[in-house]
Amino acid sequence: MPIYEYKCRGCGRQFEALALKATTPTCPGCSSGDLERLLSVPAVKSEGTHALAMKAAKRRDSKQAAENNRAQREYELHHNN
């Protein structure tokens, strides 16, 4: 069974669905059958894409660490008295 990507023309939601030849999926958001099948782009892995993914992950992790540190400082300020 192939997996296709769809966009609902009614609500604009994008989703993936397993589709048989004889069946047409419906939108999980609004149950509309008015769907546009989108062109699926295969994932490409290379040194360049890996480097970009690692850079994005480091930014995400750095931001999360800063938020965790701020939350810890706030907790200590309010609960250590």
PDB file of N, CA and C in Angstrom:
ATOM      1  N   MET A   1       0.833  -1.180   0.000  1.00  0.00           N
ATOM      2  CA  MET A   1       0.000   0.000   0.000  1.00  0.00           C
ATOM      3  C   MET A   1       0.883   1.251   0.000  1.00  0.00           C
ATOM      4  N   PRO A   2       0.701   2.088  -0.961  1.00  0.00           N
ATOM      5  CA  PRO A   2       1.497   3.317  -1.005  1.00  0.00           C
ATOM      6  C   PRO A   2       0.979   4.369  -0.023  1.00  0.00           C
ATOM      7  N   ILE A   3       1.892   5.175   0.465  1.00  0.00           N
ATOM      8  CA  ILE A   3       1.537   6.308   1.317  1.00  0.00           C
ATOM      9  C   ILE A   3       1.600   7.556   0.452  1.00  0.00           C
ATOM     10  N   TYR A   4       0.512   8.307   0.445  1.00  0.00           N
ATOM     11  CA  TYR A   4       0.445   9.546  -0.328  1.00  0.00           C
ATOM     12  C   TYR A   4       0.270  10.736   0.608  1.00  0.00           C
ATOM     13  N   GLU A   5       0.730  11.880   0.160  1.00  0.00           N
ATOM     14  CA  GLU A   5       0.516  13.120   0.890  1.00  0.00           C
ATOM     15  C   GLU A   5      -0.649  13.849   0.236  1.00  0.00           C
ATOM     16  N   TYR A   6      -1.515  14.401   1.070  1.00  0.00           N
ATOM     17  CA  TYR A   6      -2.699  15.104   0.591  1.00  0.00           C
ATOM     18  C   TYR A   6      -2.812  16.462   1.252  1.00  0.00           C
ATOM     19  N   LYS A   7      -3.535  17.357   0.567  1.00  0.00           N
ATOM     20  CA  LYS A   7      -3.920  18.635   1.142  1.00  0.00           C
ATOM     21  C   LYS A   7      -5.422  18.772   0.945  1.00  0.00           C
ATOM     22  N   CYS A   8      -6.116  19.071   2.032  1.00  0.00           N
ATOM     23  CA  CYS A   8      -7.567  19.230   1.976  1.00  0.00           C
ATOM     24  C   CYS A   8      -7.888  20.602   1.383  1.00  0.00           C
ATOM     25  N   ARG A   9      -8.723  20.619   0.375  1.00  0.00           N
ATOM     26  CA  ARG A   9      -9.120  21.896  -0.221  1.00  0.00           C
ATOM     27  C   ARG A   9     -10.124  22.636   0.673  1.00  0.00           C
ATOM     28  N   GLY A  10     -10.778  21.909   1.570  1.00  0.00           N
ATOM     29  CA  GLY A  10     -11.757  22.521   2.461  1.00  0.00           C
ATOM     30  C   GLY A  10     -11.118  23.289   3.603  1.00  0.00           C
ATOM     31  N   CYS A  11     -10.209  22.618   4.359  1.00  0.00           N
ATOM     32  CA  CYS A  11      -9.637  23.262   5.550  1.00  0.00           C
ATOM     33  C   CYS A  11      -8.148  23.566   5.409  1.00  0.00           C
ATOM     34  N   GLY A  12      -7.497  23.061   4.352  1.00  0.00           N
ATOM     35  CA  GLY A  12      -6.095  23.362   4.122  1.00  0.00           C
ATOM     36  C   GLY A  12      -5.121  22.458   4.851  1.00  0.00           C
ATOM     37  N   ARG A  13      -5.626  21.486   5.596  1.00  0.00           N
ATOM     38  CA  ARG A  13      -4.758  20.590   6.358  1.00  0.00           C
ATOM     39  C   ARG A  13      -3.981  19.684   5.417  1.00  0.00           C
ATOM     40  N   GLN A  14      -2.688  19.448   5.744  1.00  0.00           N
ATOM     41  CA  GLN A  14      -1.870  18.517   4.978  1.00  0.00           C
ATOM     42  C   GLN A  14      -1.669  17.272   5.828  1.00  0.00           C
ATOM     43  N   PHE A  15      -1.731  16.101   5.196  1.00  0.00           N
ATOM     44  CA  PHE A  15      -1.588  14.846   5.924  1.00  0.00           C
ATOM     45  C   PHE A  15      -1.148  13.747   4.977  1.00  0.00           C
ATOM     46  N   GLU A  16      -0.701  12.636   5.564  1.00  0.00           N
ATOM     47  CA  GLU A  16      -0.332  11.458   4.801  1.00  0.00           C
ATOM     48  C   GLU A  16      -1.375  10.389   5.033  1.00  0.00           C
ATOM     49  N   ALA A  17      -1.600   9.551   4.030  1.00  0.00           N
ATOM     50  CA  ALA A  17      -2.569   8.472   4.173  1.00  0.00           C
ATOM     51  C   ALA A  17      -2.171   7.287   3.305  1.00  0.00           C
ATOM     52  N   LEU A  18      -2.444   6.092   3.826  1.00  0.00           N
ATOM     53  CA  LEU A  18      -2.308   4.885   3.017  1.00  0.00           C
ATOM     54  C   LEU A  18      -3.499   4.848   2.081  1.00  0.00           C
ATOM     55  N   ALA A  19      -3.253   4.578   0.827  1.00  0.00           N
ATOM     56  CA  ALA A  19      -4.368   4.627  -0.127  1.00  0.00           C
ATOM     57  C   ALA A  19      -4.344   3.414  -1.044  1.00  0.00           C
ATOM     58  N   LEU A  20      -5.464   2.739  -1.098  1.00  0.00           N
ATOM     59  CA  LEU A  20      -5.653   1.667  -2.067  1.00  0.00           C
ATOM     60  C   LEU A  20      -6.182   2.287  -3.351  1.00  0.00           C
ATOM     61  N   LYS A  21      -6.094   1.567  -4.448  1.00  0.00           N
ATOM     62  CA  LYS A  21      -6.554   2.104  -5.732  1.00  0.00           C
ATOM     63  C   LYS A  21      -8.043   2.428  -5.724  1.00  0.00           C
ATOM     64  N   ALA A  22      -8.830   1.602  -5.058  1.00  0.00           N
ATOM     65  CA  ALA A  22     -10.283   1.760  -5.102  1.00  0.00           C
ATOM     66  C   ALA A  22     -10.818   2.739  -4.055  1.00  0.00           C
ATOM     67  N   THR A  23      -9.993   3.185  -3.128  1.00  0.00           N
ATOM     68  CA  THR A  23     -10.483   4.049  -2.055  1.00  0.00           C
ATOM     69  C   THR A  23      -9.862   5.434  -2.140  1.00  0.00           C
ATOM     70  N   THR A  24     -10.609   6.405  -1.674  1.00  0.00           N
ATOM     71  CA  THR A  24     -10.115   7.772  -1.568  1.00  0.00           C
ATOM     72  C   THR A  24     -10.206   8.162  -0.096  1.00  0.00           C
ATOM     73  N   PRO A  25      -9.098   8.612   0.494  1.00  0.00           N
ATOM     74  CA  PRO A  25      -9.145   8.988   1.909  1.00  0.00           C
ATOM     75  C   PRO A  25      -9.941  10.268   2.124  1.00  0.00           C
ATOM     76  N   THR A  26     -10.282  10.523   3.361  1.00  0.00           N
ATOM     77  CA  THR A  26     -10.945  11.766   3.740  1.00  0.00           C
ATOM     78  C   THR A  26     -10.050  12.517   4.704  1.00  0.00           C
ATOM     79  N   CYS A  27     -10.252  13.797   4.792  1.00  0.00           N
ATOM     80  CA  CYS A  27      -9.460  14.658   5.659  1.00  0.00           C
ATOM     81  C   CYS A  27      -9.717  14.289   7.127  1.00  0.00           C
ATOM     82  N   PRO A  28      -8.661  14.073   7.914  1.00  0.00           N
ATOM     83  CA  PRO A  28      -8.866  13.762   9.327  1.00  0.00           C
ATOM     84  C   PRO A  28      -9.352  14.972  10.130  1.00  0.00           C
ATOM     85  N   GLY A  29      -9.210  16.172   9.575  1.00  0.00           N
ATOM     86  CA  GLY A  29      -9.648  17.372  10.281  1.00  0.00           C
ATOM     87  C   GLY A  29     -11.115  17.692  10.086  1.00  0.00           C
ATOM     88  N   CYS A  30     -11.564  17.660   8.826  1.00  0.00           N
ATOM     89  CA  CYS A  30     -12.951  18.079   8.545  1.00  0.00           C
ATOM     90  C   CYS A  30     -13.766  17.008   7.827  1.00  0.00           C
ATOM     91  N   SER A  31     -13.176  15.849   7.582  1.00  0.00           N
ATOM     92  CA  SER A  31     -13.829  14.707   6.919  1.00  0.00           C
ATOM     93  C   SER A  31     -14.210  14.971   5.468  1.00  0.00           C
ATOM     94  N   SER A  32     -13.636  16.001   4.850  1.00  0.00           N
ATOM     95  CA  SER A  32     -13.923  16.315   3.455  1.00  0.00           C
ATOM     96  C   SER A  32     -13.213  15.317   2.541  1.00  0.00           C
ATOM     97  N   GLY A  33     -13.811  15.030   1.433  1.00  0.00           N
ATOM     98  CA  GLY A  33     -13.199  14.179   0.430  1.00  0.00           C
ATOM     99  C   GLY A  33     -12.577  14.976  -0.702  1.00  0.00           C
ATOM    100  N   ASP A  34     -12.646  16.301  -0.642  1.00  0.00           N
ATOM    101  CA  ASP A  34     -12.094  17.181  -1.671  1.00  0.00           C
ATOM    102  C   ASP A  34     -10.613  17.401  -1.379  1.00  0.00           C
ATOM    103  N   LEU A  35      -9.778  16.478  -1.863  1.00  0.00           N
ATOM    104  CA  LEU A  35      -8.355  16.467  -1.537  1.00  0.00           C
ATOM    105  C   LEU A  35      -7.509  16.656  -2.784  1.00  0.00           C
ATOM    106  N   GLU A  36      -6.366  17.235  -2.586  1.00  0.00           N
ATOM    107  CA  GLU A  36      -5.368  17.365  -3.645  1.00  0.00           C
ATOM    108  C   GLU A  36      -4.197  16.475  -3.260  1.00  0.00           C
ATOM    109  N   ARG A  37      -3.815  15.559  -4.132  1.00  0.00           N
ATOM    110  CA  ARG A  37      -2.661  14.714  -3.846  1.00  0.00           C
ATOM    111  C   ARG A  37      -1.409  15.508  -4.165  1.00  0.00           C
ATOM    112  N   LEU A  38      -0.512  15.591  -3.192  1.00  0.00           N
ATOM    113  CA  LEU A  38       0.704  16.383  -3.340  1.00  0.00           C
ATOM    114  C   LEU A  38       1.847  15.536  -3.861  1.00  0.00           C
ATOM    115  N   LEU A  39       2.809  16.195  -4.425  1.00  0.00           N
ATOM    116  CA  LEU A  39       4.010  15.536  -4.901  1.00  0.00           C
ATOM    117  C   LEU A  39       4.904  15.246  -3.700  1.00  0.00           C
ATOM    118  N   SER A  40       5.206  13.984  -3.474  1.00  0.00           N
ATOM    119  CA  SER A  40       6.068  13.603  -2.354  1.00  0.00           C
ATOM    120  C   SER A  40       7.518  13.754  -2.772  1.00  0.00           C
ATOM    121  N   VAL A  41       8.275  14.385  -1.907  1.00  0.00           N
ATOM    122  CA  VAL A  41       9.695  14.580  -2.169  1.00  0.00           C
ATOM    123  C   VAL A  41      10.466  13.586  -1.315  1.00  0.00           C
ATOM    124  N   PRO A  42      11.333  12.786  -1.934  1.00  0.00           N
ATOM    125  CA  PRO A  42      12.082  11.809  -1.139  1.00  0.00           C
ATOM    126  C   PRO A  42      13.098  12.504  -0.232  1.00  0.00           C
ATOM    127  N   ALA A  43      13.369  11.871   0.879  1.00  0.00           N
ATOM    128  CA  ALA A  43      14.374  12.402   1.801  1.00  0.00           C
ATOM    129  C   ALA A  43      15.757  12.136   1.217  1.00  0.00           C
ATOM    130  N   VAL A  44      16.615  13.122   1.268  1.00  0.00           N
ATOM    131  CA  VAL A  44      17.963  12.988   0.743  1.00  0.00           C
ATOM    132  C   VAL A  44      18.934  13.154   1.902  1.00  0.00           C
ATOM    133  N   LYS A  45      19.832  12.200   2.032  1.00  0.00           N
ATOM    134  CA  LYS A  45      20.820  12.274   3.096  1.00  0.00           C
ATOM    135  C   LYS A  45      22.199  12.415   2.454  1.00  0.00           C
ATOM    136  N   SER A  46      22.906  13.441   2.908  1.00  0.00           N
ATOM    137  CA  SER A  46      24.264  13.664   2.424  1.00  0.00           C
ATOM    138  C   SER A  46      25.044  14.317   3.557  1.00  0.00           C
ATOM    139  N   GLU A  47      26.318  14.548   3.339  1.00  0.00           N
ATOM    140  CA  GLU A  47      27.116  15.232   4.361  1.00  0.00           C
ATOM    141  C   GLU A  47      26.559  16.630   4.623  1.00  0.00           C
ATOM    142  N   GLY A  48      26.123  17.293   3.580  1.00  0.00           N
ATOM    143  CA  GLY A  48      25.581  18.640   3.722  1.00  0.00           C
ATOM    144  C   GLY A  48      24.293  18.663   4.515  1.00  0.00           C
ATOM    145  N   THR A  49      23.366  17.743   4.196  1.00  0.00           N
ATOM    146  CA  THR A  49      22.110  17.706   4.939  1.00  0.00           C
ATOM    147  C   THR A  49      22.336  17.249   6.373  1.00  0.00           C
ATOM    148  N   HIS A  50      23.295  16.360   6.579  1.00  0.00           N
ATOM    149  CA  HIS A  50      23.618  15.915   7.938  1.00  0.00           C
ATOM    150  C   HIS A  50      24.170  17.083   8.752  1.00  0.00           C
ATOM    151  N   ALA A  51      25.053  17.858   8.153  1.00  0.00           N
ATOM    152  CA  ALA A  51      25.623  19.014   8.850  1.00  0.00           C
ATOM    153  C   ALA A  51      24.532  20.026   9.201  1.00  0.00           C
ATOM    154  N   LEU A  52      23.614  20.273   8.278  1.00  0.00           N
ATOM    155  CA  LEU A  52      22.508  21.196   8.559  1.00  0.00           C
ATOM    156  C   LEU A  52      21.615  20.667   9.682  1.00  0.00           C
ATOM    157  N   ALA A  53      21.345  19.372   9.665  1.00  0.00           N
ATOM    158  CA  ALA A  53      20.510  18.773  10.709  1.00  0.00           C
ATOM    159  C   ALA A  53      21.201  18.866  12.068  1.00  0.00           C
ATOM    160  N   MET A  54      22.499  18.633  12.102  1.00  0.00           N
ATOM    161  CA  MET A  54      23.241  18.723  13.363  1.00  0.00           C
ATOM    162  C   MET A  54      23.266  20.159  13.881  1.00  0.00           C
ATOM    163  N   LYS A  55      23.433  21.115  12.983  1.00  0.00           N
ATOM    164  CA  LYS A  55      23.446  22.520  13.381  1.00  0.00           C
ATOM    165  C   LYS A  55      22.091  22.921  13.962  1.00  0.00           C
ATOM    166  N   ALA A  56      21.010  22.487  13.321  1.00  0.00           N
ATOM    167  CA  ALA A  56      19.670  22.788  13.815  1.00  0.00           C
ATOM    168  C   ALA A  56      19.431  22.117  15.167  1.00  0.00           C
ATOM    169  N   ALA A  57      19.908  20.885  15.325  1.00  0.00           N
ATOM    170  CA  ALA A  57      19.740  20.172  16.597  1.00  0.00           C
ATOM    171  C   ALA A  57      20.518  20.868  17.711  1.00  0.00           C
ATOM    172  N   LYS A  58      21.709  21.351  17.412  1.00  0.00           N
ATOM    173  CA  LYS A  58      22.498  22.062  18.428  1.00  0.00           C
ATOM    174  C   LYS A  58      21.812  23.358  18.838  1.00  0.00           C
ATOM    175  N   ARG A  59      21.247  24.083  17.871  1.00  0.00           N
ATOM    176  CA  ARG A  59      20.500  25.311  18.199  1.00  0.00           C
ATOM    177  C   ARG A  59      19.303  24.986  19.084  1.00  0.00           C
ATOM    178  N   ARG A  60      18.572  23.949  18.694  1.00  0.00           N
ATOM    179  CA  ARG A  60      17.408  23.534  19.479  1.00  0.00           C
ATOM    180  C   ARG A  60      17.806  23.136  20.896  1.00  0.00           C
ATOM    181  N   ASP A  61      18.860  22.339  21.014  1.00  0.00           N
ATOM    182  CA  ASP A  61      19.311  21.884  22.327  1.00  0.00           C
ATOM    183  C   ASP A  61      19.834  23.038  23.172  1.00  0.00           C
ATOM    184  N   SER A  62      20.530  23.970  22.540  1.00  0.00           N
ATOM    185  CA  SER A  62      21.049  25.136  23.257  1.00  0.00           C
ATOM    186  C   SER A  62      19.900  25.988  23.786  1.00  0.00           C
ATOM    187  N   LYS A  63      18.890  26.194  22.965  1.00  0.00           N
ATOM    188  CA  LYS A  63      17.724  26.973  23.375  1.00  0.00           C
ATOM    189  C   LYS A  63      16.997  26.278  24.522  1.00  0.00           C
ATOM    190  N   GLN A  64      16.838  24.956  24.419  1.00  0.00           N
ATOM    191  CA  GLN A  64      16.160  24.209  25.472  1.00  0.00           C
ATOM    192  C   GLN A  64      16.961  24.256  26.772  1.00  0.00           C
ATOM    193  N   ALA A  65      18.285  24.173  26.693  1.00  0.00           N
ATOM    194  CA  ALA A  65      19.124  24.251  27.888  1.00  0.00           C
ATOM    195  C   ALA A  65      18.994  25.620  28.545  1.00  0.00           C
ATOM    196  N   ALA A  66      18.970  26.675  27.749  1.00  0.00           N
ATOM    197  CA  ALA A  66      18.818  28.024  28.296  1.00  0.00           C
ATOM    198  C   ALA A  66      17.461  28.167  28.989  1.00  0.00           C
ATOM    199  N   GLU A  67      16.410  27.628  28.394  1.00  0.00           N
ATOM    200  CA  GLU A  67      15.082  27.684  29.010  1.00  0.00           C
ATOM    201  C   GLU A  67      15.041  26.882  30.306  1.00  0.00           C
ATOM    202  N   ASN A  68      15.681  25.717  30.313  1.00  0.00           N
ATOM    203  CA  ASN A  68      15.733  24.897  31.524  1.00  0.00           C
ATOM    204  C   ASN A  68      16.504  25.610  32.631  1.00  0.00           C
ATOM    205  N   ASN A  69      17.621  26.249  32.278  1.00  0.00           N
ATOM    206  CA  ASN A  69      18.410  26.982  33.271  1.00  0.00           C
ATOM    207  C   ASN A  69      17.618  28.152  33.843  1.00  0.00           C
ATOM    208  N   ARG A  70      16.899  28.868  33.001  1.00  0.00           N
ATOM    209  CA  ARG A  70      16.090  29.992  33.462  1.00  0.00           C
ATOM    210  C   ARG A  70      14.992  29.500  34.396  1.00  0.00           C
ATOM    211  N   ALA A  71      14.338  28.418  34.034  1.00  0.00           N
ATOM    212  CA  ALA A  71      13.276  27.866  34.873  1.00  0.00           C
ATOM    213  C   ALA A  71      13.838  27.405  36.220  1.00  0.00           C
ATOM    214  N   GLN A  72      15.020  26.814  36.204  1.00  0.00           N
ATOM    215  CA  GLN A  72      15.653  26.367  37.452  1.00  0.00           C
ATOM    216  C   GLN A  72      15.985  27.552  38.349  1.00  0.00           C
ATOM    217  N   ARG A  73      16.529  28.630  37.756  1.00  0.00           N
ATOM    218  CA  ARG A  73      16.849  29.833  38.542  1.00  0.00           C
ATOM    219  C   ARG A  73      15.591  30.431  39.152  1.00  0.00           C
ATOM    220  N   GLU A  74      14.515  30.512  38.382  1.00  0.00           N
ATOM    221  CA  GLU A  74      13.253  31.042  38.898  1.00  0.00           C
ATOM    222  C   GLU A  74      12.717  30.170  40.031  1.00  0.00           C
ATOM    223  N   TYR A  75      12.811  28.864  39.874  1.00  0.00           N
ATOM    224  CA  TYR A  75      12.352  27.955  40.908  1.00  0.00           C
ATOM    225  C   TYR A  75      13.150  28.177  42.191  1.00  0.00           C
ATOM    226  N   GLU A  76      14.477  28.260  42.049  1.00  0.00           N
ATOM    227  CA  GLU A  76      15.334  28.448  43.224  1.00  0.00           C
ATOM    228  C   GLU A  76      15.070  29.786  43.900  1.00  0.00           C
ATOM    229  N   LEU A  77      14.823  30.835  43.129  1.00  0.00           N
ATOM    230  CA  LEU A  77      14.537  32.148  43.718  1.00  0.00           C
ATOM    231  C   LEU A  77      13.247  32.128  44.539  1.00  0.00           C
ATOM    232  N   HIS A  78      12.241  31.408  44.073  1.00  0.00           N
ATOM    233  CA  HIS A  78      10.937  31.412  44.736  1.00  0.00           C
ATOM    234  C   HIS A  78      10.783  30.343  45.794  1.00  0.00           C
ATOM    235  N   HIS A  79      11.638  29.317  45.797  1.00  0.00           N
ATOM    236  CA  HIS A  79      11.442  28.202  46.710  1.00  0.00           C
ATOM    237  C   HIS A  79      12.572  28.017  47.723  1.00  0.00           C
ATOM    238  N   ASN A  80      13.586  28.836  47.715  1.00  0.00           N
ATOM    239  CA  ASN A  80      14.687  28.700  48.648  1.00  0.00           C
ATOM    240  C   ASN A  80      14.586  29.645  49.827  1.00  0.00           C
ATOM    241  N   ASN A  81      13.507  30.331  49.990  1.00  0.00           N
ATOM    242  CA  ASN A  81      13.371  31.291  51.096  1.00  0.00           C
ATOM    243  C   ASN A  81      12.781  30.650  52.306  1.00  0.00           C
TER     244      ASN A  81
END
